[in-house]
């Protein structure tokens, strides 16, 4: 059975809008595809273990990563040799997240936690470095991303297939229309 591992972004959850859209689409049009959506907190060491466990259990799984999940998906693709779709992916979050140190709150669950310097430092070992197989990554960007500068991803993934839409936002507001192509990319 084919599978897709969906990695949500910072302060998000498996209840995010894109996750729900993808889950609903798969249940209607591709019920043969297992959809795995772990709840990943901003704890990179734990996240790496969750990804490893999911990909060991589903050796044919492709990966979707949104924002910080895109950073994790890049690492997972390089480490496990899987295809991944990156949606407005975070670039070098270990450099940016110092601005967010302190109390954080999950957008969906309301859970509060403390983002520490140690947690930010745990992100750096998951930097994938030079991309040996950029063709395994399909990058979806919107130039109107208010959270991340999409040009950073343009540079980072310049050798990968890419879709860049003018306007939009960090949530990638046209994601639903791209789900069939995302699933096709990951399962073929």
N, C-alpha and C. Protein backbone atom coordinates (compact mmCIF):
# COMPACT_ATOMS: atom_id res chain seq x y z
N UNK A 1 0.85 -1.18 0.00
CA UNK A 1 0.00 0.00 0.00
C UNK A 1 0.89 1.24 0.00
N UNK A 2 0.69 2.15 -0.95
CA UNK A 2 1.46 3.39 -0.92
C UNK A 2 1.09 4.24 0.30
N UNK A 3 2.02 5.10 0.70
CA UNK A 3 1.78 5.92 1.89
C UNK A 3 2.37 7.31 1.68
N UNK A 4 1.79 8.27 2.39
CA UNK A 4 2.30 9.64 2.40
C UNK A 4 2.44 10.07 3.86
N UNK A 5 3.63 10.52 4.19
CA UNK A 5 3.92 11.07 5.52
C UNK A 5 3.83 12.58 5.41
N UNK A 6 2.92 13.18 6.17
CA UNK A 6 2.73 14.64 6.14
C UNK A 6 3.34 15.25 7.39
N UNK A 7 4.28 16.19 7.19
CA UNK A 7 4.96 16.87 8.30
C UNK A 7 4.51 18.32 8.35
N UNK A 8 3.79 18.67 9.40
CA UNK A 8 3.26 20.03 9.53
C UNK A 8 4.34 21.00 9.97
N UNK A 9 4.00 22.26 10.02
CA UNK A 9 4.95 23.32 10.35
C UNK A 9 5.00 23.67 11.82
N UNK A 10 5.79 24.68 12.12
CA UNK A 10 6.00 25.20 13.46
C UNK A 10 4.68 25.69 14.05
N UNK A 11 4.39 25.28 15.26
CA UNK A 11 3.16 25.64 15.97
C UNK A 11 1.89 25.21 15.25
N UNK A 12 2.00 24.21 14.40
CA UNK A 12 0.84 23.68 13.71
C UNK A 12 0.53 22.29 14.27
N UNK A 13 -0.28 21.53 13.55
CA UNK A 13 -0.66 20.21 14.06
C UNK A 13 -1.28 19.38 12.93
N UNK A 14 -1.57 18.11 13.19
CA UNK A 14 -2.26 17.28 12.19
C UNK A 14 -3.68 17.78 11.89
N UNK A 15 -4.15 18.79 12.61
CA UNK A 15 -5.46 19.37 12.33
C UNK A 15 -5.37 20.60 11.44
N UNK A 16 -4.21 20.87 10.87
CA UNK A 16 -4.05 22.05 10.02
C UNK A 16 -4.96 21.95 8.80
N UNK A 17 -5.21 23.07 8.17
CA UNK A 17 -6.10 23.14 7.01
C UNK A 17 -5.58 22.27 5.86
N UNK A 18 -4.29 22.38 5.53
CA UNK A 18 -3.73 21.58 4.43
C UNK A 18 -3.79 20.08 4.75
N UNK A 19 -3.54 19.73 5.98
CA UNK A 19 -3.61 18.31 6.36
C UNK A 19 -5.02 17.77 6.17
N UNK A 20 -5.99 18.54 6.63
CA UNK A 20 -7.39 18.10 6.48
C UNK A 20 -7.78 18.00 5.01
N UNK A 21 -7.35 18.99 4.20
CA UNK A 21 -7.66 18.94 2.76
C UNK A 21 -7.08 17.68 2.13
N UNK A 22 -5.84 17.38 2.45
CA UNK A 22 -5.19 16.22 1.85
C UNK A 22 -5.83 14.93 2.33
N UNK A 23 -6.10 14.84 3.62
CA UNK A 23 -6.75 13.64 4.17
C UNK A 23 -8.10 13.41 3.48
N UNK A 24 -8.89 14.47 3.34
CA UNK A 24 -10.21 14.35 2.72
C UNK A 24 -10.09 13.92 1.25
N UNK A 25 -9.14 14.53 0.52
CA UNK A 25 -8.96 14.19 -0.89
C UNK A 25 -8.55 12.72 -1.04
N UNK A 26 -7.61 12.30 -0.23
CA UNK A 26 -7.16 10.91 -0.31
C UNK A 26 -8.29 9.93 0.01
N UNK A 27 -9.09 10.24 1.01
CA UNK A 27 -10.18 9.32 1.36
C UNK A 27 -11.21 9.22 0.23
N UNK A 28 -11.39 10.30 -0.53
CA UNK A 28 -12.35 10.28 -1.64
C UNK A 28 -11.78 9.66 -2.91
N UNK A 29 -10.53 10.02 -3.25
CA UNK A 29 -10.01 9.66 -4.57
C UNK A 29 -8.90 8.62 -4.56
N UNK A 30 -8.21 8.47 -3.44
CA UNK A 30 -7.12 7.49 -3.35
C UNK A 30 -7.13 6.79 -2.00
N UNK A 31 -8.21 6.07 -1.71
CA UNK A 31 -8.28 5.38 -0.41
C UNK A 31 -7.22 4.30 -0.26
N UNK A 32 -6.52 3.97 -1.35
CA UNK A 32 -5.46 2.98 -1.29
C UNK A 32 -4.16 3.56 -0.71
N UNK A 33 -4.11 4.88 -0.52
CA UNK A 33 -2.90 5.53 0.00
C UNK A 33 -3.06 5.77 1.50
N UNK A 34 -2.15 5.21 2.27
CA UNK A 34 -2.13 5.41 3.73
C UNK A 34 -1.64 6.83 4.00
N UNK A 35 -2.33 7.58 4.86
CA UNK A 35 -1.95 8.95 5.18
C UNK A 35 -1.50 9.00 6.64
N UNK A 36 -0.24 9.36 6.84
CA UNK A 36 0.36 9.37 8.17
C UNK A 36 0.64 10.82 8.55
N UNK A 37 0.07 11.26 9.65
CA UNK A 37 0.22 12.66 10.07
C UNK A 37 0.59 12.73 11.55
N UNK A 38 1.86 12.52 11.86
CA UNK A 38 2.25 12.58 13.27
C UNK A 38 2.19 14.01 13.81
N UNK A 39 1.95 14.11 15.09
CA UNK A 39 1.99 15.41 15.76
C UNK A 39 3.45 15.65 16.13
N UNK A 40 4.09 16.57 15.45
CA UNK A 40 5.51 16.83 15.69
C UNK A 40 5.69 18.19 16.34
N UNK A 41 6.20 18.17 17.53
CA UNK A 41 6.48 19.41 18.25
C UNK A 41 7.81 19.96 17.76
N UNK A 42 8.17 21.13 18.24
CA UNK A 42 9.45 21.74 17.86
C UNK A 42 10.55 21.14 18.73
N UNK A 43 10.78 19.86 18.51
CA UNK A 43 11.83 19.13 19.23
C UNK A 43 12.47 18.22 18.19
N UNK A 44 13.50 18.73 17.53
CA UNK A 44 14.07 18.08 16.35
C UNK A 44 14.54 16.66 16.61
N UNK A 45 15.11 16.41 17.76
CA UNK A 45 15.59 15.06 18.06
C UNK A 45 14.42 14.08 18.08
N UNK A 46 13.32 14.47 18.69
CA UNK A 46 12.14 13.62 18.73
C UNK A 46 11.53 13.47 17.34
N UNK A 47 11.49 14.57 16.59
CA UNK A 47 10.91 14.55 15.25
C UNK A 47 11.68 13.58 14.35
N UNK A 48 13.01 13.62 14.42
CA UNK A 48 13.82 12.71 13.60
C UNK A 48 13.46 11.26 13.90
N UNK A 49 13.23 10.93 15.16
CA UNK A 49 12.83 9.57 15.53
C UNK A 49 11.46 9.21 15.00
N UNK A 50 10.52 10.14 15.06
CA UNK A 50 9.17 9.90 14.55
C UNK A 50 9.21 9.66 13.05
N UNK A 51 10.00 10.46 12.33
CA UNK A 51 10.13 10.30 10.88
C UNK A 51 10.76 8.95 10.56
N UNK A 52 11.83 8.63 11.24
CA UNK A 52 12.53 7.36 11.00
C UNK A 52 11.57 6.18 11.23
N UNK A 53 10.82 6.22 12.31
CA UNK A 53 9.88 5.15 12.63
C UNK A 53 8.81 5.01 11.54
N UNK A 54 8.25 6.14 11.09
CA UNK A 54 7.21 6.10 10.06
C UNK A 54 7.75 5.57 8.74
N UNK A 55 8.95 6.02 8.35
CA UNK A 55 9.50 5.58 7.07
C UNK A 55 10.01 4.14 7.12
N UNK A 56 10.42 3.67 8.30
CA UNK A 56 10.76 2.25 8.45
C UNK A 56 9.50 1.39 8.29
N UNK A 57 8.38 1.88 8.83
CA UNK A 57 7.13 1.12 8.77
C UNK A 57 6.52 1.14 7.37
N UNK A 58 6.79 2.19 6.61
CA UNK A 58 6.22 2.34 5.26
C UNK A 58 7.35 2.63 4.28
N UNK A 59 8.03 1.59 3.80
CA UNK A 59 9.21 1.78 2.96
C UNK A 59 8.94 2.44 1.61
N UNK A 60 7.67 2.52 1.21
CA UNK A 60 7.35 3.16 -0.06
C UNK A 60 6.75 4.56 0.14
N UNK A 61 6.78 5.08 1.35
CA UNK A 61 6.13 6.36 1.65
C UNK A 61 6.87 7.53 1.02
N UNK A 62 6.08 8.45 0.45
CA UNK A 62 6.58 9.76 0.05
C UNK A 62 6.30 10.72 1.20
N UNK A 63 6.83 11.92 1.10
CA UNK A 63 6.75 12.87 2.21
C UNK A 63 6.23 14.21 1.70
N UNK A 64 5.37 14.83 2.48
CA UNK A 64 4.96 16.22 2.26
C UNK A 64 5.38 16.98 3.51
N UNK A 65 6.02 18.13 3.30
CA UNK A 65 6.43 18.95 4.43
C UNK A 65 6.08 20.40 4.18
N UNK A 66 5.43 21.03 5.14
CA UNK A 66 5.03 22.42 5.04
C UNK A 66 5.82 23.25 6.03
N UNK A 67 6.44 24.33 5.55
CA UNK A 67 7.19 25.26 6.38
C UNK A 67 8.33 24.52 7.12
N UNK A 68 8.30 24.48 8.45
CA UNK A 68 9.32 23.74 9.18
C UNK A 68 9.27 22.26 8.80
N UNK A 69 8.08 21.75 8.51
CA UNK A 69 7.95 20.38 8.02
C UNK A 69 8.69 20.18 6.71
N UNK A 70 8.81 21.22 5.89
CA UNK A 70 9.58 21.15 4.65
C UNK A 70 11.07 21.00 4.92
N UNK A 71 11.53 21.64 5.97
CA UNK A 71 12.93 21.48 6.39
C UNK A 71 13.18 20.03 6.80
N UNK A 72 12.27 19.49 7.63
CA UNK A 72 12.38 18.09 8.06
C UNK A 72 12.27 17.15 6.86
N UNK A 73 11.37 17.44 5.93
CA UNK A 73 11.17 16.59 4.76
C UNK A 73 12.41 16.57 3.87
N UNK A 74 13.11 17.68 3.78
CA UNK A 74 14.35 17.73 3.00
C UNK A 74 15.38 16.78 3.60
N UNK A 75 15.52 16.83 4.92
CA UNK A 75 16.43 15.91 5.62
C UNK A 75 16.00 14.46 5.41
N UNK A 76 14.71 14.18 5.56
CA UNK A 76 14.21 12.82 5.42
C UNK A 76 14.41 12.30 4.00
N UNK A 77 14.19 13.14 3.02
CA UNK A 77 14.40 12.74 1.63
C UNK A 77 15.86 12.37 1.39
N UNK A 78 16.77 13.21 1.88
CA UNK A 78 18.20 12.96 1.71
C UNK A 78 18.66 11.72 2.49
N UNK A 79 18.12 11.54 3.68
CA UNK A 79 18.54 10.45 4.56
C UNK A 79 17.98 9.10 4.13
N UNK A 80 16.72 9.09 3.69
CA UNK A 80 16.04 7.83 3.41
C UNK A 80 15.78 7.60 1.92
N UNK A 81 16.21 8.53 1.07
CA UNK A 81 16.05 8.35 -0.37
C UNK A 81 14.62 8.39 -0.85
N UNK A 82 13.80 9.24 -0.25
CA UNK A 82 12.37 9.31 -0.61
C UNK A 82 12.08 10.59 -1.38
N UNK A 83 11.00 10.55 -2.16
CA UNK A 83 10.50 11.76 -2.80
C UNK A 83 9.80 12.60 -1.74
N UNK A 84 9.85 13.91 -1.94
CA UNK A 84 9.16 14.81 -1.01
C UNK A 84 8.62 16.03 -1.76
N UNK A 85 7.49 16.51 -1.30
CA UNK A 85 6.91 17.76 -1.77
C UNK A 85 7.06 18.75 -0.63
N UNK A 86 7.67 19.90 -0.93
CA UNK A 86 7.93 20.92 0.08
C UNK A 86 7.04 22.12 -0.20
N UNK A 87 6.28 22.54 0.79
CA UNK A 87 5.36 23.66 0.64
C UNK A 87 5.89 24.84 1.45
N UNK A 88 6.27 25.91 0.75
CA UNK A 88 6.87 27.08 1.42
C UNK A 88 7.83 26.63 2.53
N UNK A 89 8.86 25.87 2.17
CA UNK A 89 9.73 25.27 3.19
C UNK A 89 10.61 26.28 3.93
N UNK A 90 10.85 26.00 5.19
CA UNK A 90 11.77 26.81 6.00
C UNK A 90 13.20 26.49 5.57
N UNK A 91 14.02 27.52 5.48
CA UNK A 91 15.42 27.39 5.13
C UNK A 91 16.24 27.83 6.35
N UNK A 92 17.17 26.99 6.79
CA UNK A 92 18.02 27.26 7.94
C UNK A 92 17.23 27.79 9.16
N UNK A 93 16.21 27.07 9.62
CA UNK A 93 15.41 27.56 10.75
C UNK A 93 16.23 27.76 12.02
N UNK A 94 17.33 27.03 12.15
CA UNK A 94 18.20 27.19 13.32
C UNK A 94 18.83 28.58 13.38
N UNK A 95 18.83 29.31 12.28
CA UNK A 95 19.31 30.70 12.29
C UNK A 95 18.17 31.68 12.58
N UNK A 96 16.95 31.34 12.19
CA UNK A 96 15.81 32.25 12.31
C UNK A 96 15.05 32.14 13.64
N UNK A 97 15.06 30.96 14.23
CA UNK A 97 14.18 30.71 15.36
C UNK A 97 14.60 31.39 16.66
N UNK A 98 15.78 31.95 16.70
CA UNK A 98 16.18 32.67 17.92
C UNK A 98 15.24 33.84 18.19
N UNK A 99 14.61 34.35 17.16
CA UNK A 99 13.64 35.44 17.32
C UNK A 99 12.36 34.97 18.02
N UNK A 100 12.15 33.66 18.09
CA UNK A 100 10.93 33.11 18.68
C UNK A 100 11.14 32.48 20.05
N UNK A 101 12.33 32.63 20.61
CA UNK A 101 12.61 32.02 21.91
C UNK A 101 11.60 32.51 22.95
N UNK A 102 11.25 31.61 23.85
CA UNK A 102 10.29 31.95 24.90
C UNK A 102 9.00 31.18 24.72
N UNK A 103 7.96 31.69 25.34
CA UNK A 103 6.68 30.98 25.31
C UNK A 103 6.07 31.01 23.91
N UNK A 104 5.59 29.84 23.49
CA UNK A 104 4.91 29.65 22.21
C UNK A 104 3.56 28.99 22.48
N UNK A 105 2.66 29.12 21.51
CA UNK A 105 1.37 28.47 21.63
C UNK A 105 1.00 27.85 20.29
N UNK A 106 0.61 26.58 20.31
CA UNK A 106 0.20 25.88 19.11
C UNK A 106 -1.09 26.50 18.58
N UNK A 107 -1.12 26.78 17.27
CA UNK A 107 -2.28 27.43 16.64
C UNK A 107 -3.55 26.61 16.75
N UNK A 108 -3.43 25.29 16.75
CA UNK A 108 -4.60 24.43 16.69
C UNK A 108 -5.01 23.86 18.04
N UNK A 109 -4.03 23.48 18.85
CA UNK A 109 -4.36 22.83 20.12
C UNK A 109 -4.43 23.81 21.28
N UNK A 110 -3.80 24.98 21.12
CA UNK A 110 -3.74 25.94 22.21
C UNK A 110 -2.67 25.62 23.23
N UNK A 111 -1.99 24.48 23.05
CA UNK A 111 -0.94 24.07 23.99
C UNK A 111 0.18 25.10 24.03
N UNK A 112 0.61 25.43 25.23
CA UNK A 112 1.72 26.37 25.42
C UNK A 112 2.98 25.60 25.79
N UNK A 113 4.11 26.09 25.32
CA UNK A 113 5.40 25.48 25.64
C UNK A 113 6.48 26.54 25.54
N UNK A 114 7.65 26.20 26.00
CA UNK A 114 8.78 27.12 25.99
C UNK A 114 9.75 26.69 24.89
N UNK A 115 10.02 27.58 23.93
CA UNK A 115 11.02 27.33 22.90
C UNK A 115 12.37 27.79 23.45
N UNK A 116 13.30 26.85 23.57
CA UNK A 116 14.58 27.14 24.20
C UNK A 116 15.71 27.17 23.17
N UNK A 117 16.83 27.74 23.57
CA UNK A 117 18.03 27.76 22.74
C UNK A 117 18.45 26.34 22.37
N UNK A 118 18.32 25.41 23.30
CA UNK A 118 18.68 24.01 23.05
C UNK A 118 17.79 23.40 21.96
N UNK A 119 16.51 23.71 22.00
CA UNK A 119 15.58 23.19 20.99
C UNK A 119 15.95 23.73 19.61
N UNK A 120 16.30 24.99 19.54
CA UNK A 120 16.70 25.59 18.26
C UNK A 120 17.99 24.93 17.76
N UNK A 121 18.94 24.71 18.65
CA UNK A 121 20.22 24.09 18.28
C UNK A 121 20.02 22.67 17.74
N UNK A 122 18.97 21.96 18.20
CA UNK A 122 18.71 20.60 17.74
C UNK A 122 18.31 20.55 16.27
N UNK A 123 17.92 21.70 15.70
CA UNK A 123 17.53 21.73 14.29
C UNK A 123 18.73 21.60 13.35
N UNK A 124 19.88 22.13 13.75
CA UNK A 124 21.01 22.19 12.84
C UNK A 124 21.51 20.82 12.36
N UNK A 125 21.57 19.80 13.21
CA UNK A 125 22.02 18.50 12.71
C UNK A 125 21.12 17.90 11.62
N UNK A 126 19.90 18.43 11.47
CA UNK A 126 19.00 17.93 10.43
C UNK A 126 19.12 18.73 9.13
N UNK A 127 20.12 19.58 9.04
CA UNK A 127 20.39 20.31 7.79
C UNK A 127 20.88 19.28 6.77
N UNK A 128 20.21 19.20 5.63
CA UNK A 128 20.53 18.19 4.62
C UNK A 128 21.80 18.50 3.84
N UNK A 129 22.26 19.73 3.87
CA UNK A 129 23.45 20.09 3.11
C UNK A 129 23.17 20.11 1.62
N UNK A 130 24.21 19.93 0.82
CA UNK A 130 24.06 19.91 -0.64
C UNK A 130 23.11 18.78 -1.04
N UNK A 131 22.25 19.06 -1.98
CA UNK A 131 21.23 18.09 -2.38
C UNK A 131 21.78 17.16 -3.46
N UNK A 132 22.04 15.91 -3.10
CA UNK A 132 22.57 14.93 -4.04
C UNK A 132 21.53 14.52 -5.09
N UNK A 133 20.25 14.56 -4.70
CA UNK A 133 19.17 14.17 -5.62
C UNK A 133 18.06 15.22 -5.60
N UNK A 134 18.31 16.39 -6.15
CA UNK A 134 17.30 17.45 -6.13
C UNK A 134 16.02 17.08 -6.89
N UNK A 135 16.12 16.12 -7.79
CA UNK A 135 14.94 15.70 -8.55
C UNK A 135 13.91 14.98 -7.68
N UNK A 136 14.30 14.56 -6.50
CA UNK A 136 13.36 13.90 -5.57
C UNK A 136 12.47 14.90 -4.84
N UNK A 137 12.78 16.17 -4.98
CA UNK A 137 12.04 17.22 -4.25
C UNK A 137 11.25 18.07 -5.24
N UNK A 138 9.96 18.22 -4.97
CA UNK A 138 9.13 19.14 -5.75
C UNK A 138 8.76 20.27 -4.78
N UNK A 139 9.10 21.49 -5.16
CA UNK A 139 8.95 22.63 -4.26
C UNK A 139 7.80 23.51 -4.72
N UNK A 140 6.85 23.77 -3.82
CA UNK A 140 5.71 24.64 -4.08
C UNK A 140 5.89 25.93 -3.28
N UNK A 141 5.95 27.05 -3.99
CA UNK A 141 6.19 28.34 -3.34
C UNK A 141 5.13 29.35 -3.77
N UNK A 142 4.80 30.25 -2.85
CA UNK A 142 4.00 31.41 -3.19
C UNK A 142 4.78 32.66 -2.80
N UNK A 143 4.88 33.60 -3.73
CA UNK A 143 5.72 34.78 -3.52
C UNK A 143 5.17 35.70 -2.43
N UNK A 144 3.88 35.56 -2.11
CA UNK A 144 3.28 36.40 -1.08
C UNK A 144 3.43 35.84 0.33
N UNK A 145 4.28 34.83 0.51
CA UNK A 145 4.50 34.23 1.83
C UNK A 145 4.93 35.33 2.80
N UNK A 146 4.11 35.59 3.80
CA UNK A 146 4.36 36.66 4.77
C UNK A 146 5.29 36.23 5.90
N UNK A 147 5.59 34.94 5.99
CA UNK A 147 6.42 34.42 7.07
C UNK A 147 7.85 34.15 6.62
N UNK A 148 8.01 33.56 5.46
CA UNK A 148 9.33 33.20 4.94
C UNK A 148 9.55 33.88 3.58
N UNK A 149 10.77 34.27 3.31
CA UNK A 149 11.11 34.86 2.02
C UNK A 149 11.26 33.73 1.01
N UNK A 150 10.33 33.66 0.08
CA UNK A 150 10.32 32.55 -0.88
C UNK A 150 11.59 32.49 -1.71
N UNK A 151 12.30 33.60 -1.83
CA UNK A 151 13.53 33.63 -2.63
C UNK A 151 14.63 32.77 -1.99
N UNK A 152 14.58 32.60 -0.66
CA UNK A 152 15.54 31.70 -0.01
C UNK A 152 15.36 30.27 -0.53
N UNK A 153 14.11 29.85 -0.68
CA UNK A 153 13.83 28.51 -1.19
C UNK A 153 14.16 28.42 -2.68
N UNK A 154 13.93 29.49 -3.43
CA UNK A 154 14.31 29.50 -4.85
C UNK A 154 15.78 29.17 -5.00
N UNK A 155 16.60 29.77 -4.16
CA UNK A 155 18.04 29.54 -4.21
C UNK A 155 18.38 28.14 -3.72
N UNK A 156 17.86 27.76 -2.57
CA UNK A 156 18.19 26.46 -1.95
C UNK A 156 17.84 25.29 -2.87
N UNK A 157 16.68 25.38 -3.53
CA UNK A 157 16.18 24.26 -4.32
C UNK A 157 16.23 24.54 -5.82
N UNK A 158 17.17 25.34 -6.25
CA UNK A 158 17.23 25.78 -7.66
C UNK A 158 17.32 24.63 -8.66
N UNK A 159 17.84 23.50 -8.26
CA UNK A 159 17.96 22.35 -9.17
C UNK A 159 16.77 21.40 -9.08
N UNK A 160 15.81 21.70 -8.24
CA UNK A 160 14.64 20.83 -8.06
C UNK A 160 13.48 21.33 -8.91
N UNK A 161 12.56 20.43 -9.28
CA UNK A 161 11.33 20.90 -9.92
C UNK A 161 10.60 21.84 -8.97
N UNK A 162 10.01 22.87 -9.53
CA UNK A 162 9.45 23.91 -8.67
C UNK A 162 8.21 24.52 -9.31
N UNK A 163 7.26 24.88 -8.47
CA UNK A 163 6.09 25.63 -8.88
C UNK A 163 6.09 26.91 -8.05
N UNK A 164 6.15 28.06 -8.70
CA UNK A 164 6.13 29.34 -8.00
C UNK A 164 4.89 30.10 -8.45
N UNK A 165 4.04 30.41 -7.51
CA UNK A 165 2.83 31.19 -7.80
C UNK A 165 3.02 32.59 -7.25
N UNK A 166 2.62 33.58 -8.04
CA UNK A 166 2.65 34.97 -7.57
C UNK A 166 1.55 35.18 -6.55
N UNK A 167 1.86 35.97 -5.53
CA UNK A 167 0.87 36.24 -4.48
C UNK A 167 0.78 35.09 -3.51
N UNK A 168 -0.43 34.88 -3.02
CA UNK A 168 -0.64 33.81 -2.05
C UNK A 168 -0.17 34.19 -0.66
N UNK A 169 0.16 33.17 0.13
CA UNK A 169 0.56 33.41 1.52
C UNK A 169 1.33 32.19 2.05
N UNK A 170 1.71 32.26 3.32
CA UNK A 170 2.48 31.17 3.90
C UNK A 170 1.68 29.86 3.95
N UNK A 171 0.39 29.95 4.07
CA UNK A 171 -0.46 28.76 4.11
C UNK A 171 -0.59 28.09 2.74
N UNK A 172 -0.09 28.72 1.69
CA UNK A 172 -0.19 28.25 0.31
C UNK A 172 -1.67 28.03 -0.02
N UNK A 173 -2.36 29.15 -0.21
CA UNK A 173 -3.82 29.15 -0.29
C UNK A 173 -4.43 28.41 -1.48
N UNK A 174 -3.64 27.98 -2.45
CA UNK A 174 -4.19 27.19 -3.56
C UNK A 174 -3.83 25.71 -3.44
N UNK A 175 -3.40 25.29 -2.28
CA UNK A 175 -2.92 23.91 -2.11
C UNK A 175 -3.92 22.87 -2.59
N UNK A 176 -5.18 23.06 -2.31
CA UNK A 176 -6.19 22.06 -2.65
C UNK A 176 -6.15 21.72 -4.14
N UNK A 177 -5.95 22.70 -4.99
CA UNK A 177 -5.94 22.44 -6.43
C UNK A 177 -4.72 21.65 -6.88
N UNK A 178 -3.69 21.57 -6.04
CA UNK A 178 -2.46 20.86 -6.39
C UNK A 178 -2.38 19.45 -5.79
N UNK A 179 -3.33 19.09 -4.96
CA UNK A 179 -3.26 17.78 -4.29
C UNK A 179 -3.15 16.62 -5.28
N UNK A 180 -3.95 16.58 -6.36
CA UNK A 180 -3.79 15.44 -7.29
C UNK A 180 -2.36 15.33 -7.84
N UNK A 181 -1.74 16.45 -8.19
CA UNK A 181 -0.37 16.42 -8.71
C UNK A 181 0.63 16.03 -7.63
N UNK A 182 0.40 16.46 -6.40
CA UNK A 182 1.27 16.10 -5.27
C UNK A 182 1.23 14.59 -5.07
N UNK A 183 0.04 14.03 -5.03
CA UNK A 183 -0.11 12.58 -4.83
C UNK A 183 0.52 11.81 -5.99
N UNK A 184 0.32 12.29 -7.20
CA UNK A 184 0.91 11.62 -8.36
C UNK A 184 2.44 11.64 -8.27
N UNK A 185 3.02 12.78 -7.95
CA UNK A 185 4.47 12.89 -7.83
C UNK A 185 5.01 11.89 -6.80
N UNK A 186 4.34 11.78 -5.67
CA UNK A 186 4.83 10.94 -4.58
C UNK A 186 4.59 9.45 -4.78
N UNK A 187 3.61 9.09 -5.60
CA UNK A 187 3.26 7.68 -5.73
C UNK A 187 3.69 7.08 -7.07
N UNK A 188 4.40 7.83 -7.90
CA UNK A 188 4.85 7.30 -9.20
C UNK A 188 6.36 7.44 -9.34
